[in-house]
Amino acid sequence: MNKRQPPAKDITLKVKVTPRSTVSKIVGLEGDTLRVRVASPPVDGSANQDMVRLLSRGLGVRKDRIEILSGQRSRLKTIRIHGMTKDEFLLVLNK
């Protein structure tokens, strides 16, 4: 018998961060990459912290649910959001 696993409740996606922007905001999806602008400079991880804070507020998830998998020192990052499916992500993003 083939056991089915429950659908994963995590989403992994690419994020392109633009630091030193005039306004911090989620720009939207461009293909399979989420564009985000943050006001802080890319110094000592402050742009990463702003990105996590912005995504937390914009998507309605706790900050500790957002994990940067790669790209700590790059504008192009790979992140995982724990407890959110792709469909939930798209629904919240398109509101």
C-alpha atoms as a PDB file:
ATOM      1  CA  MET A   1       0.000   0.000   0.000  1.00  0.00           C
ATOM      2  CA  ASN A   2       1.252   3.477  -0.862  1.00  0.00           C
ATOM      3  CA  LYS A   3       1.110   5.957   2.019  1.00  0.00           C
ATOM      4  CA  ARG A   4       0.438   9.539   1.097  1.00  0.00           C
ATOM      5  CA  GLN A   5       2.176  12.248   3.032  1.00  0.00           C
ATOM      6  CA  PRO A   6       0.262  15.376   4.004  1.00  0.00           C
ATOM      7  CA  PRO A   7       1.003  18.446   1.887  1.00  0.00           C
ATOM      8  CA  ALA A   8       3.953  20.473   3.099  1.00  0.00           C
ATOM      9  CA  LYS A   9       3.024  23.583   5.035  1.00  0.00           C
ATOM     10  CA  ASP A  10       6.187  25.436   4.027  1.00  0.00           C
ATOM     11  CA  ILE A  11       6.954  27.517   0.966  1.00  0.00           C
ATOM     12  CA  THR A  12      10.428  28.198  -0.401  1.00  0.00           C
ATOM     13  CA  LEU A  13      10.865  31.149  -2.718  1.00  0.00           C
ATOM     14  CA  LYS A  14      13.390  33.526  -4.222  1.00  0.00           C
ATOM     15  CA  VAL A  15      13.371  37.133  -3.053  1.00  0.00           C
ATOM     16  CA  LYS A  16      15.142  40.050  -4.714  1.00  0.00           C
ATOM     17  CA  VAL A  17      15.794  42.792  -2.160  1.00  0.00           C
ATOM     18  CA  THR A  18      16.495  46.406  -3.099  1.00  0.00           C
ATOM     19  CA  PRO A  19      18.093  48.186  -0.120  1.00  0.00           C
ATOM     20  CA  ARG A  20      18.210  51.961   0.479  1.00  0.00           C
ATOM     21  CA  SER A  21      14.783  52.439  -1.076  1.00  0.00           C
ATOM     22  CA  THR A  22      12.677  55.468  -0.195  1.00  0.00           C
ATOM     23  CA  VAL A  23       9.839  53.229   1.038  1.00  0.00           C
ATOM     24  CA  SER A  24       9.834  49.690   2.421  1.00  0.00           C
ATOM     25  CA  LYS A  25       7.262  47.646   0.540  1.00  0.00           C
ATOM     26  CA  ILE A  26       6.505  44.337  -1.119  1.00  0.00           C
ATOM     27  CA  VAL A  27       6.566  45.131  -4.835  1.00  0.00           C
ATOM     28  CA  GLY A  28       5.122  41.796  -6.025  1.00  0.00           C
ATOM     29  CA  LEU A  29       6.028  38.741  -8.026  1.00  0.00           C
ATOM     30  CA  GLU A  30       8.176  38.911 -11.140  1.00  0.00           C
ATOM     31  CA  GLY A  31       8.068  35.418 -12.565  1.00  0.00           C
ATOM     32  CA  ASP A  32       8.969  33.169  -9.655  1.00  0.00           C
ATOM     33  CA  THR A  33      10.851  35.869  -7.715  1.00  0.00           C
ATOM     34  CA  LEU A  34       9.307  38.130  -5.080  1.00  0.00           C
ATOM     35  CA  ARG A  35      10.536  41.747  -5.291  1.00  0.00           C
ATOM     36  CA  VAL A  36      10.939  43.633  -2.014  1.00  0.00           C
ATOM     37  CA  ARG A  37      12.223  47.150  -1.310  1.00  0.00           C
ATOM     38  CA  VAL A  38      13.591  48.100   2.097  1.00  0.00           C
ATOM     39  CA  ALA A  39      14.675  51.508   3.365  1.00  0.00           C
ATOM     40  CA  SER A  40      17.664  50.320   5.378  1.00  0.00           C
ATOM     41  CA  PRO A  41      21.163  49.939   3.933  1.00  0.00           C
ATOM     42  CA  PRO A  42      22.787  46.521   3.497  1.00  0.00           C
ATOM     43  CA  VAL A  43      25.002  46.947   6.563  1.00  0.00           C
ATOM     44  CA  ASP A  44      25.325  44.409   9.401  1.00  0.00           C
ATOM     45  CA  GLY A  45      22.207  42.543   8.284  1.00  0.00           C
ATOM     46  CA  SER A  46      19.829  45.473   8.756  1.00  0.00           C
ATOM     47  CA  ALA A  47      18.342  45.064   5.259  1.00  0.00           C
ATOM     48  CA  ASN A  48      17.711  41.364   6.004  1.00  0.00           C
ATOM     49  CA  GLN A  49      16.006  42.272   9.291  1.00  0.00           C
ATOM     50  CA  ASP A  50      13.830  44.839   7.510  1.00  0.00           C
ATOM     51  CA  MET A  51      12.931  42.294   4.824  1.00  0.00           C
ATOM     52  CA  VAL A  52      11.880  39.729   7.438  1.00  0.00           C
ATOM     53  CA  ARG A  53       9.882  42.368   9.360  1.00  0.00           C
ATOM     54  CA  LEU A  54       8.175  43.560   6.163  1.00  0.00           C
ATOM     55  CA  LEU A  55       7.284  40.048   5.007  1.00  0.00           C
ATOM     56  CA  SER A  56       6.038  39.175   8.481  1.00  0.00           C
ATOM     57  CA  ARG A  57       3.636  42.115   8.531  1.00  0.00           C
ATOM     58  CA  GLY A  58       2.616  41.840   4.890  1.00  0.00           C
ATOM     59  CA  LEU A  59       1.959  38.094   4.935  1.00  0.00           C
ATOM     60  CA  GLY A  60       0.592  37.826   8.462  1.00  0.00           C
ATOM     61  CA  VAL A  61       3.193  35.360   9.787  1.00  0.00           C
ATOM     62  CA  ARG A  62       5.505  35.574  12.777  1.00  0.00           C
ATOM     63  CA  LYS A  63       9.077  36.703  12.130  1.00  0.00           C
ATOM     64  CA  ASP A  64      10.480  33.444  13.457  1.00  0.00           C
ATOM     65  CA  ARG A  65       8.569  31.607  10.703  1.00  0.00           C
ATOM     66  CA  ILE A  66      10.688  33.294   7.994  1.00  0.00           C
ATOM     67  CA  GLU A  67      14.088  31.724   7.424  1.00  0.00           C
ATOM     68  CA  ILE A  68      16.798  32.957   5.047  1.00  0.00           C
ATOM     69  CA  LEU A  69      18.249  29.809   3.478  1.00  0.00           C
ATOM     70  CA  SER A  70      20.824  31.469   1.227  1.00  0.00           C
ATOM     71  CA  GLY A  71      21.910  34.927   0.151  1.00  0.00           C
ATOM     72  CA  GLN A  72      22.648  36.482   3.540  1.00  0.00           C
ATOM     73  CA  ARG A  73      24.989  38.969   1.839  1.00  0.00           C
ATOM     74  CA  SER A  74      23.288  39.114  -1.560  1.00  0.00           C
ATOM     75  CA  ARG A  75      20.309  40.940  -3.023  1.00  0.00           C
ATOM     76  CA  LEU A  76      18.960  37.639  -4.343  1.00  0.00           C
ATOM     77  CA  LYS A  77      17.904  35.415  -1.458  1.00  0.00           C
ATOM     78  CA  THR A  78      16.182  32.101  -0.987  1.00  0.00           C
ATOM     79  CA  ILE A  79      13.796  32.061   1.944  1.00  0.00           C
ATOM     80  CA  ARG A  80      11.446  29.551   3.532  1.00  0.00           C
ATOM     81  CA  ILE A  81       8.192  30.537   5.200  1.00  0.00           C
ATOM     82  CA  HIS A  82       7.151  27.877   7.689  1.00  0.00           C
ATOM     83  CA  GLY A  83       3.445  27.200   8.099  1.00  0.00           C
ATOM     84  CA  MET A  84       2.310  28.706   4.777  1.00  0.00           C
ATOM     85  CA  THR A  85       1.534  26.898   1.542  1.00  0.00           C
ATOM     86  CA  LYS A  86       2.075  28.347  -1.921  1.00  0.00           C
ATOM     87  CA  ASP A  87      -1.685  28.824  -2.364  1.00  0.00           C
ATOM     88  CA  GLU A  88      -1.956  30.695   0.952  1.00  0.00           C
ATOM     89  CA  PHE A  89       1.022  32.839   0.007  1.00  0.00           C
ATOM     90  CA  LEU A  90      -0.488  33.797  -3.348  1.00  0.00           C
ATOM     91  CA  LEU A  91      -3.861  34.522  -1.748  1.00  0.00           C
ATOM     92  CA  VAL A  92      -2.369  36.877   0.850  1.00  0.00           C
ATOM     93  CA  LEU A  93      -0.026  38.521  -1.664  1.00  0.00           C
ATOM     94  CA  ASN A  94      -2.865  39.335  -4.081  1.00  0.00           C
ATOM     95  CA  LYS A  95      -5.032  41.065  -1.465  1.00  0.00           C
END
